[in-house]
N, C-alpha and C. Protein backbone atom coordinates (compact mmCIF):
# COMPACT_ATOMS: atom_id res chain seq x y z
N MET A 1 -22.59 2.60 10.69
CA MET A 1 -22.51 2.07 9.33
C MET A 1 -22.80 3.21 8.41
N THR A 2 -22.20 3.24 7.33
CA THR A 2 -22.38 4.19 6.31
C THR A 2 -23.12 3.48 5.15
N ASP A 3 -24.07 4.20 4.50
CA ASP A 3 -24.74 3.51 3.28
C ASP A 3 -24.11 4.13 2.09
N SER A 4 -24.35 3.49 0.95
CA SER A 4 -23.75 3.99 -0.41
C SER A 4 -24.19 5.37 -0.79
N ALA A 5 -25.38 5.84 -0.28
CA ALA A 5 -25.79 7.16 -0.72
C ALA A 5 -25.11 8.26 0.05
N THR A 6 -24.63 7.89 1.27
CA THR A 6 -23.95 8.97 2.13
C THR A 6 -22.49 8.82 2.23
N ALA A 7 -21.91 7.81 1.75
CA ALA A 7 -20.51 7.49 1.95
C ALA A 7 -19.69 8.52 1.19
N PRO A 8 -18.80 9.29 1.78
CA PRO A 8 -18.06 10.17 1.07
C PRO A 8 -16.88 9.56 0.32
N LYS A 9 -16.55 8.28 0.69
CA LYS A 9 -15.43 7.56 0.06
C LYS A 9 -15.97 6.33 -0.51
N ARG A 10 -15.49 5.98 -1.71
CA ARG A 10 -15.77 4.78 -2.48
C ARG A 10 -14.57 3.91 -2.58
N PHE A 11 -14.79 2.67 -2.47
CA PHE A 11 -13.65 1.72 -2.64
C PHE A 11 -14.20 0.61 -3.55
N LEU A 12 -13.68 0.65 -4.94
CA LEU A 12 -14.16 -0.29 -5.77
C LEU A 12 -13.17 -1.47 -5.85
N VAL A 13 -13.69 -2.59 -5.66
CA VAL A 13 -12.85 -3.82 -5.70
C VAL A 13 -13.05 -4.63 -6.97
N SER A 14 -12.02 -4.83 -7.74
CA SER A 14 -12.11 -5.74 -8.90
C SER A 14 -12.12 -7.18 -8.61
N TRP A 15 -12.51 -8.06 -9.54
CA TRP A 15 -12.45 -9.42 -9.25
C TRP A 15 -11.06 -9.90 -8.93
N ASP A 16 -10.03 -9.43 -9.73
CA ASP A 16 -8.67 -9.77 -9.46
C ASP A 16 -8.19 -9.38 -8.06
N GLN A 17 -8.48 -8.17 -7.65
CA GLN A 17 -8.14 -7.70 -6.33
C GLN A 17 -8.78 -8.50 -5.20
N PHE A 18 -10.14 -8.82 -5.47
CA PHE A 18 -10.80 -9.57 -4.44
C PHE A 18 -10.28 -11.00 -4.30
N HIS A 19 -9.91 -11.59 -5.44
CA HIS A 19 -9.31 -12.99 -5.38
C HIS A 19 -7.95 -12.84 -4.70
N ARG A 20 -7.15 -11.91 -4.93
CA ARG A 20 -5.86 -11.78 -4.19
C ARG A 20 -6.07 -11.59 -2.70
N ASP A 21 -7.05 -10.74 -2.35
CA ASP A 21 -7.36 -10.53 -0.88
C ASP A 21 -7.87 -11.75 -0.24
N CYS A 22 -8.66 -12.52 -0.98
CA CYS A 22 -9.17 -13.81 -0.38
C CYS A 22 -7.97 -14.75 -0.19
N LYS A 23 -7.05 -14.79 -1.14
CA LYS A 23 -5.87 -15.67 -0.98
C LYS A 23 -5.02 -15.24 0.22
N ALA A 24 -4.85 -13.90 0.32
CA ALA A 24 -4.15 -13.32 1.51
C ALA A 24 -4.87 -13.74 2.77
N LEU A 25 -6.19 -13.86 2.81
CA LEU A 25 -6.94 -14.32 4.01
C LEU A 25 -6.54 -15.74 4.21
N ALA A 26 -6.49 -16.54 3.20
CA ALA A 26 -6.18 -17.99 3.40
C ALA A 26 -4.81 -18.11 4.02
N TRP A 27 -3.87 -17.30 3.51
CA TRP A 27 -2.46 -17.29 3.98
C TRP A 27 -2.37 -17.05 5.50
N ARG A 28 -3.23 -16.12 5.94
CA ARG A 28 -3.35 -15.74 7.32
C ARG A 28 -3.91 -16.78 8.18
N LEU A 29 -4.79 -17.65 7.63
CA LEU A 29 -5.49 -18.64 8.36
C LEU A 29 -4.79 -20.08 8.32
N VAL A 30 -3.90 -20.24 7.45
CA VAL A 30 -3.33 -21.62 7.22
C VAL A 30 -2.69 -22.14 8.49
N ASP A 31 -2.10 -21.37 9.26
CA ASP A 31 -1.39 -21.88 10.48
C ASP A 31 -2.20 -21.54 11.79
N LYS A 32 -3.34 -21.01 11.67
CA LYS A 32 -4.17 -20.72 12.88
C LYS A 32 -4.73 -21.89 13.61
N HIS A 33 -4.94 -22.95 12.90
CA HIS A 33 -5.54 -24.20 13.43
C HIS A 33 -4.95 -25.38 12.73
N GLU A 34 -4.74 -26.45 13.46
CA GLU A 34 -4.10 -27.69 12.93
C GLU A 34 -4.94 -28.18 11.77
N GLU A 35 -6.18 -28.46 12.03
CA GLU A 35 -7.04 -28.96 10.92
C GLU A 35 -8.47 -28.35 11.11
N TRP A 36 -8.88 -27.54 10.22
CA TRP A 36 -10.27 -26.88 10.32
C TRP A 36 -11.32 -28.03 10.00
N LYS A 37 -12.40 -28.01 10.75
CA LYS A 37 -13.46 -28.99 10.57
C LYS A 37 -14.27 -28.49 9.41
N GLY A 38 -14.43 -27.26 9.12
CA GLY A 38 -15.16 -26.71 7.95
C GLY A 38 -15.24 -25.27 8.04
N ILE A 39 -16.02 -24.71 7.04
CA ILE A 39 -16.27 -23.32 6.94
C ILE A 39 -17.77 -23.10 7.00
N ILE A 40 -18.10 -21.97 7.66
CA ILE A 40 -19.44 -21.47 7.59
C ILE A 40 -19.40 -20.18 6.88
N ALA A 41 -20.02 -20.15 5.67
CA ALA A 41 -20.02 -18.99 4.86
C ALA A 41 -21.26 -18.16 5.14
N ILE A 42 -21.11 -16.82 5.44
CA ILE A 42 -22.31 -16.00 5.66
C ILE A 42 -22.72 -15.53 4.27
N THR A 43 -24.02 -15.97 3.97
CA THR A 43 -24.49 -15.49 2.60
C THR A 43 -25.01 -14.12 2.62
N ARG A 44 -24.82 -13.45 1.63
CA ARG A 44 -24.30 -13.80 0.27
C ARG A 44 -22.79 -13.40 0.17
N GLY A 45 -22.41 -12.33 0.88
CA GLY A 45 -20.99 -11.86 0.66
C GLY A 45 -19.92 -12.83 0.99
N GLY A 46 -20.15 -13.73 1.86
CA GLY A 46 -19.14 -14.74 2.31
C GLY A 46 -19.00 -15.88 1.47
N LEU A 47 -19.84 -16.08 0.50
CA LEU A 47 -19.76 -17.26 -0.40
C LEU A 47 -18.54 -17.30 -1.26
N ILE A 48 -18.22 -16.27 -1.91
CA ILE A 48 -17.00 -16.27 -2.72
C ILE A 48 -15.76 -16.45 -1.99
N PRO A 49 -15.58 -15.58 -0.87
CA PRO A 49 -14.37 -15.78 -0.11
C PRO A 49 -14.30 -17.16 0.58
N ALA A 50 -15.45 -17.68 0.89
CA ALA A 50 -15.39 -19.06 1.52
C ALA A 50 -14.93 -20.04 0.56
N GLY A 51 -15.44 -19.94 -0.74
CA GLY A 51 -15.01 -20.95 -1.72
C GLY A 51 -13.55 -20.86 -2.03
N ILE A 52 -12.91 -19.62 -2.02
CA ILE A 52 -11.54 -19.36 -2.29
C ILE A 52 -10.71 -19.99 -1.08
N VAL A 53 -11.10 -19.58 0.12
CA VAL A 53 -10.46 -20.11 1.29
C VAL A 53 -10.50 -21.59 1.43
N ALA A 54 -11.67 -22.14 1.14
CA ALA A 54 -11.86 -23.65 1.19
C ALA A 54 -10.93 -24.42 0.19
N ARG A 55 -10.81 -23.79 -0.93
CA ARG A 55 -9.80 -24.34 -1.90
C ARG A 55 -8.32 -24.26 -1.45
N GLU A 56 -7.99 -23.15 -0.89
CA GLU A 56 -6.56 -22.91 -0.54
C GLU A 56 -6.18 -23.70 0.71
N LEU A 57 -7.16 -23.92 1.58
CA LEU A 57 -6.94 -24.64 2.80
C LEU A 57 -7.29 -26.08 2.68
N GLU A 58 -7.79 -26.52 1.58
CA GLU A 58 -8.24 -27.84 1.30
C GLU A 58 -9.32 -28.31 2.26
N ILE A 59 -10.32 -27.41 2.45
CA ILE A 59 -11.39 -27.71 3.35
C ILE A 59 -12.59 -28.15 2.52
N LYS A 60 -13.14 -29.28 2.73
CA LYS A 60 -14.30 -29.90 1.91
C LYS A 60 -15.61 -29.58 2.46
N VAL A 61 -15.81 -29.33 3.66
CA VAL A 61 -17.10 -29.11 4.28
C VAL A 61 -17.35 -27.59 4.49
N VAL A 62 -18.37 -27.15 3.76
CA VAL A 62 -18.77 -25.72 3.78
C VAL A 62 -20.30 -25.70 4.05
N GLU A 63 -20.61 -25.01 5.20
CA GLU A 63 -21.97 -24.82 5.72
C GLU A 63 -22.25 -23.39 5.40
N THR A 64 -23.62 -23.00 5.34
CA THR A 64 -23.94 -21.60 5.15
C THR A 64 -24.95 -21.15 6.14
N ILE A 65 -24.91 -19.87 6.41
CA ILE A 65 -25.98 -19.27 7.17
C ILE A 65 -26.26 -17.94 6.53
N GLY A 66 -27.66 -17.82 6.41
CA GLY A 66 -28.17 -16.64 5.79
C GLY A 66 -28.54 -15.61 6.83
N VAL A 67 -27.91 -14.40 6.82
CA VAL A 67 -28.20 -13.26 7.75
C VAL A 67 -28.36 -12.06 6.88
N SER A 68 -29.43 -11.30 7.27
CA SER A 68 -29.66 -10.07 6.44
C SER A 68 -29.91 -9.00 7.44
N SER A 69 -29.18 -7.87 7.16
CA SER A 69 -29.37 -6.61 7.99
C SER A 69 -29.51 -5.37 7.20
N TYR A 70 -29.12 -5.40 6.02
CA TYR A 70 -29.18 -4.16 5.24
C TYR A 70 -28.99 -4.42 3.77
N ASP A 71 -29.45 -3.48 2.92
CA ASP A 71 -29.10 -3.48 1.45
C ASP A 71 -28.23 -2.37 1.14
N ASP A 72 -28.11 -1.99 -0.04
CA ASP A 72 -27.23 -0.92 -0.40
C ASP A 72 -27.72 0.48 -0.02
N LYS A 73 -28.91 0.55 0.56
CA LYS A 73 -29.57 1.85 0.88
C LYS A 73 -29.77 2.05 2.41
N THR A 74 -30.35 0.97 2.99
CA THR A 74 -30.79 1.16 4.45
C THR A 74 -30.35 -0.01 5.21
N ARG A 75 -30.28 0.18 6.56
CA ARG A 75 -29.95 -0.86 7.49
C ARG A 75 -31.28 -1.22 8.20
N GLY A 76 -31.64 -2.54 8.25
CA GLY A 76 -32.86 -2.88 8.93
C GLY A 76 -32.55 -3.76 10.16
N GLU A 77 -33.44 -4.50 10.62
CA GLU A 77 -33.27 -5.40 11.81
C GLU A 77 -32.53 -6.66 11.28
N LEU A 78 -31.62 -7.13 12.09
CA LEU A 78 -30.84 -8.36 11.80
C LEU A 78 -31.79 -9.56 11.86
N GLN A 79 -31.78 -10.32 10.72
CA GLN A 79 -32.60 -11.54 10.62
C GLN A 79 -31.82 -12.71 10.17
N THR A 80 -32.05 -13.89 10.85
CA THR A 80 -31.50 -15.14 10.29
C THR A 80 -32.44 -15.71 9.36
N ILE A 81 -32.16 -15.80 8.05
CA ILE A 81 -33.08 -16.20 7.10
C ILE A 81 -32.76 -17.75 6.68
N LYS A 82 -31.56 -18.19 7.03
CA LYS A 82 -31.25 -19.59 6.90
C LYS A 82 -30.22 -19.96 7.89
N ASP A 83 -30.62 -20.89 8.82
CA ASP A 83 -29.76 -21.21 9.97
C ASP A 83 -28.77 -22.32 9.63
N ILE A 84 -27.76 -22.50 10.51
CA ILE A 84 -26.85 -23.56 10.29
C ILE A 84 -27.32 -24.88 10.82
N ASN A 85 -26.65 -25.97 10.48
CA ASN A 85 -26.96 -27.24 10.95
C ASN A 85 -26.18 -27.31 12.34
N ARG A 86 -26.91 -27.12 13.41
CA ARG A 86 -26.25 -27.03 14.76
C ARG A 86 -25.69 -28.37 15.24
N ASP A 87 -26.30 -29.53 14.65
CA ASP A 87 -25.71 -30.76 15.02
C ASP A 87 -24.30 -31.03 14.37
N LEU A 88 -24.11 -30.44 13.25
CA LEU A 88 -22.80 -30.55 12.50
C LEU A 88 -21.81 -29.55 13.12
N VAL A 89 -22.19 -28.34 13.44
CA VAL A 89 -21.36 -27.22 13.78
C VAL A 89 -21.09 -27.09 15.39
N GLY A 90 -22.08 -27.52 16.15
CA GLY A 90 -21.97 -27.42 17.57
C GLY A 90 -21.73 -25.98 18.09
N ASP A 91 -20.73 -25.81 18.88
CA ASP A 91 -20.37 -24.42 19.43
C ASP A 91 -19.38 -23.71 18.53
N GLY A 92 -19.08 -24.30 17.40
CA GLY A 92 -18.14 -23.70 16.44
C GLY A 92 -16.70 -24.03 16.62
N ALA A 93 -16.33 -24.78 17.61
CA ALA A 93 -14.94 -25.19 17.82
C ALA A 93 -14.36 -25.87 16.54
N GLY A 94 -13.25 -25.29 16.05
CA GLY A 94 -12.61 -25.84 14.79
C GLY A 94 -13.23 -25.36 13.61
N TRP A 95 -14.20 -24.47 13.61
CA TRP A 95 -14.82 -23.95 12.43
C TRP A 95 -14.48 -22.48 12.06
N LEU A 96 -14.38 -22.18 10.80
CA LEU A 96 -14.04 -20.91 10.32
C LEU A 96 -15.41 -20.30 9.89
N VAL A 97 -15.72 -19.14 10.34
CA VAL A 97 -16.89 -18.31 9.82
C VAL A 97 -16.20 -17.24 8.84
N ILE A 98 -16.74 -17.25 7.63
CA ILE A 98 -16.13 -16.44 6.67
C ILE A 98 -17.22 -15.44 6.06
N ASP A 99 -16.83 -14.09 5.99
CA ASP A 99 -17.62 -13.13 5.38
C ASP A 99 -16.78 -12.14 4.56
N ASP A 100 -17.33 -11.42 3.67
CA ASP A 100 -16.56 -10.41 2.86
C ASP A 100 -16.13 -9.25 3.76
N LEU A 101 -16.97 -8.88 4.70
CA LEU A 101 -16.74 -7.57 5.44
C LEU A 101 -17.40 -7.66 6.76
N VAL A 102 -16.69 -7.15 7.73
CA VAL A 102 -17.25 -6.78 9.04
C VAL A 102 -17.37 -5.23 9.08
N ASP A 103 -18.62 -4.81 9.11
CA ASP A 103 -18.82 -3.36 9.05
C ASP A 103 -19.31 -2.90 10.46
N SER A 104 -20.55 -2.90 10.73
CA SER A 104 -21.06 -2.47 12.06
C SER A 104 -20.82 -3.45 13.10
N GLY A 105 -20.63 -4.71 12.74
CA GLY A 105 -20.32 -5.79 13.59
C GLY A 105 -21.52 -6.61 14.06
N SER A 106 -22.78 -6.16 13.64
CA SER A 106 -23.88 -6.80 14.13
C SER A 106 -24.03 -8.29 13.62
N THR A 107 -23.70 -8.52 12.45
CA THR A 107 -23.68 -9.98 11.97
C THR A 107 -22.58 -10.78 12.68
N ALA A 108 -21.41 -10.24 12.85
CA ALA A 108 -20.26 -10.96 13.60
C ALA A 108 -20.74 -11.10 15.07
N LYS A 109 -21.33 -10.18 15.67
CA LYS A 109 -21.78 -10.38 17.01
C LYS A 109 -22.75 -11.55 17.13
N LEU A 110 -23.76 -11.57 16.28
CA LEU A 110 -24.68 -12.62 16.21
C LEU A 110 -24.00 -14.05 16.12
N LEU A 111 -23.09 -14.11 15.14
CA LEU A 111 -22.43 -15.42 15.01
C LEU A 111 -21.48 -15.78 16.17
N ARG A 112 -20.92 -14.71 16.74
CA ARG A 112 -20.08 -14.98 17.93
C ARG A 112 -20.96 -15.53 19.16
N GLU A 113 -22.20 -14.97 19.26
CA GLU A 113 -23.08 -15.53 20.24
C GLU A 113 -23.49 -16.98 19.92
N MET A 114 -23.79 -17.20 18.67
CA MET A 114 -24.22 -18.63 18.25
C MET A 114 -23.10 -19.67 18.35
N LEU A 115 -21.85 -19.11 17.95
CA LEU A 115 -20.77 -20.04 17.78
C LEU A 115 -19.58 -19.45 18.53
N PRO A 116 -19.64 -19.48 19.90
CA PRO A 116 -18.55 -18.78 20.65
C PRO A 116 -17.13 -19.30 20.42
N LYS A 117 -16.96 -20.52 19.99
CA LYS A 117 -15.60 -21.08 19.84
C LYS A 117 -15.12 -21.08 18.35
N SER A 118 -15.96 -20.45 17.39
CA SER A 118 -15.60 -20.38 16.08
C SER A 118 -14.56 -19.30 15.85
N HIS A 119 -13.87 -19.26 14.67
CA HIS A 119 -12.91 -18.28 14.28
C HIS A 119 -13.57 -17.46 13.16
N ILE A 120 -13.81 -16.17 13.49
CA ILE A 120 -14.39 -15.36 12.47
C ILE A 120 -13.37 -14.63 11.65
N ALA A 121 -13.46 -14.79 10.24
CA ALA A 121 -12.50 -14.27 9.41
C ALA A 121 -13.20 -13.43 8.24
N THR A 122 -12.71 -12.24 7.96
CA THR A 122 -13.32 -11.49 6.91
C THR A 122 -12.23 -10.90 5.99
N VAL A 123 -12.56 -10.57 4.85
CA VAL A 123 -11.64 -9.99 3.96
C VAL A 123 -11.33 -8.57 4.31
N TYR A 124 -12.38 -7.77 4.55
CA TYR A 124 -12.29 -6.36 4.92
C TYR A 124 -12.91 -6.10 6.29
N ALA A 125 -12.34 -5.11 6.97
CA ALA A 125 -12.91 -4.73 8.31
C ALA A 125 -12.93 -3.28 8.51
N LYS A 126 -14.09 -2.78 8.98
CA LYS A 126 -14.21 -1.39 9.36
C LYS A 126 -14.00 -1.23 10.84
N PRO A 127 -13.67 -0.10 11.35
CA PRO A 127 -13.35 0.09 12.77
C PRO A 127 -14.37 -0.36 13.76
N THR A 128 -15.66 -0.16 13.45
CA THR A 128 -16.83 -0.51 14.42
C THR A 128 -16.84 -2.08 14.57
N GLY A 129 -16.62 -2.78 13.49
CA GLY A 129 -16.68 -4.17 13.62
C GLY A 129 -15.40 -4.89 13.78
N GLU A 130 -14.33 -4.26 13.53
CA GLU A 130 -13.00 -4.90 13.62
C GLU A 130 -12.77 -5.69 14.81
N PRO A 131 -13.10 -5.25 16.03
CA PRO A 131 -12.88 -6.06 17.23
C PRO A 131 -13.51 -7.39 17.21
N LEU A 132 -14.53 -7.62 16.37
CA LEU A 132 -15.23 -8.83 16.38
C LEU A 132 -14.63 -9.87 15.43
N ALA A 133 -13.70 -9.37 14.52
CA ALA A 133 -13.12 -10.37 13.60
C ALA A 133 -11.76 -10.83 14.22
N ASP A 134 -11.63 -12.17 14.21
CA ASP A 134 -10.39 -12.80 14.66
C ASP A 134 -9.24 -12.55 13.70
N THR A 135 -9.60 -12.59 12.39
CA THR A 135 -8.68 -12.48 11.28
C THR A 135 -9.29 -11.67 10.16
N TYR A 136 -8.53 -10.72 9.63
CA TYR A 136 -8.98 -9.99 8.43
C TYR A 136 -7.73 -9.54 7.64
N VAL A 137 -7.98 -9.14 6.40
CA VAL A 137 -6.87 -8.73 5.55
C VAL A 137 -6.72 -7.20 5.45
N THR A 138 -7.78 -6.49 5.23
CA THR A 138 -7.62 -5.07 4.91
C THR A 138 -8.58 -4.17 5.76
N TRP A 139 -8.07 -3.22 6.37
CA TRP A 139 -8.74 -2.27 7.12
C TRP A 139 -9.29 -1.15 6.26
N VAL A 140 -10.58 -0.83 6.43
CA VAL A 140 -11.23 0.22 5.60
C VAL A 140 -11.92 1.26 6.53
N SER A 141 -11.75 2.56 6.25
CA SER A 141 -12.43 3.48 7.14
C SER A 141 -13.92 3.35 7.15
N GLN A 142 -14.57 3.77 8.30
CA GLN A 142 -15.99 3.53 8.50
C GLN A 142 -16.79 4.32 7.48
N ASP A 143 -16.27 5.42 6.92
CA ASP A 143 -17.03 6.26 5.98
C ASP A 143 -16.78 5.96 4.61
N THR A 144 -16.33 4.77 4.38
CA THR A 144 -16.07 4.26 2.97
C THR A 144 -17.09 3.14 2.64
N TRP A 145 -17.68 3.31 1.41
CA TRP A 145 -18.57 2.24 0.95
C TRP A 145 -17.80 1.30 0.01
N ILE A 146 -17.75 0.05 0.27
CA ILE A 146 -17.06 -0.93 -0.61
C ILE A 146 -17.97 -1.37 -1.60
N TYR A 147 -17.57 -1.30 -2.88
CA TYR A 147 -18.30 -1.79 -4.07
C TYR A 147 -17.60 -3.09 -4.43
N PHE A 148 -18.20 -4.19 -4.20
CA PHE A 148 -17.72 -5.43 -4.46
C PHE A 148 -17.94 -5.83 -6.01
N PRO A 149 -17.09 -6.64 -6.55
CA PRO A 149 -17.19 -6.84 -8.03
C PRO A 149 -18.45 -7.28 -8.54
N TRP A 150 -19.27 -8.05 -7.70
CA TRP A 150 -20.62 -8.51 -8.11
C TRP A 150 -21.66 -7.36 -8.04
N ASP A 151 -21.31 -6.23 -7.44
CA ASP A 151 -22.24 -5.06 -7.24
C ASP A 151 -21.98 -3.97 -8.30
N ILE A 152 -20.96 -4.15 -9.13
CA ILE A 152 -20.63 -2.97 -10.13
C ILE A 152 -20.58 -3.44 -11.52
N ASP A 153 -20.77 -2.44 -12.37
CA ASP A 153 -20.64 -2.59 -13.77
C ASP A 153 -19.61 -1.61 -14.34
N ILE A 154 -19.04 -1.83 -15.46
CA ILE A 154 -18.08 -0.91 -16.01
C ILE A 154 -18.92 0.29 -16.58
N GLN A 155 -18.56 1.52 -16.11
CA GLN A 155 -19.33 2.70 -16.64
C GLN A 155 -18.44 3.92 -16.26
N PRO A 156 -18.74 5.03 -16.92
CA PRO A 156 -17.97 6.20 -16.56
C PRO A 156 -18.22 6.68 -15.13
N ILE A 157 -17.25 7.36 -14.55
CA ILE A 157 -17.47 7.80 -13.13
C ILE A 157 -16.84 9.19 -13.04
N ASP A 158 -17.47 9.91 -12.09
CA ASP A 158 -16.97 11.28 -11.84
C ASP A 158 -15.61 11.25 -11.11
N PRO A 159 -14.78 12.22 -11.27
CA PRO A 159 -13.53 12.42 -10.57
C PRO A 159 -13.80 12.53 -9.02
N ILE A 160 -12.93 12.14 -8.18
CA ILE A 160 -13.02 12.31 -6.74
C ILE A 160 -13.38 13.66 -6.31
N ALA A 161 -12.69 14.70 -6.88
CA ALA A 161 -12.93 16.11 -6.49
C ALA A 161 -14.36 16.46 -6.74
N THR A 162 -14.93 16.07 -7.87
CA THR A 162 -16.33 16.33 -8.25
C THR A 162 -17.23 15.79 -7.21
N VAL A 163 -17.03 14.50 -6.88
CA VAL A 163 -17.93 13.79 -6.01
C VAL A 163 -17.85 14.48 -4.52
N ARG A 164 -16.60 14.89 -4.21
CA ARG A 164 -16.42 15.49 -2.85
C ARG A 164 -17.15 16.81 -2.78
N LYS A 165 -17.22 17.60 -3.85
CA LYS A 165 -17.96 18.86 -3.91
C LYS A 165 -19.47 18.59 -3.74
N GLN A 166 -19.94 17.46 -4.13
CA GLN A 166 -21.37 17.19 -4.09
C GLN A 166 -21.85 16.76 -2.69
N VAL A 167 -20.90 16.36 -1.85
CA VAL A 167 -21.21 15.84 -0.56
C VAL A 167 -21.38 16.97 0.46
């Protein structure tokens, strides 16, 4: 995993682009299962794509799981801070697990162990975590830091060549 301080590449995602990518994810999922039981959104990054996919696939049941492993600076130990309703979800059969990104794959691996029959779908995938996602929309190199729309503000930015010289 690369952190924002050391990533040589930056990928800024606008709200419009993220919405389009989430709809593309829904298009990829629409025929994967006859009728989804529900969505499990991985908080926080999975909440927005889960809402968009739920709307597009007309899924009314959305469960959440809170998993934390890193912030924008460092990676720590993987922790479940809010568990799922296991009586509702069972082994995950017929359930979509939605996140914004599969990066190192540690979160996806945990969810795969908890819900072996679920379908893990992400908007973006990096090479290390890609094998753990059943469906994703956009591949992103491992050395790229993705700035999601909720993480950025409009401000001046240095040209790519200037940033590259600083690395």
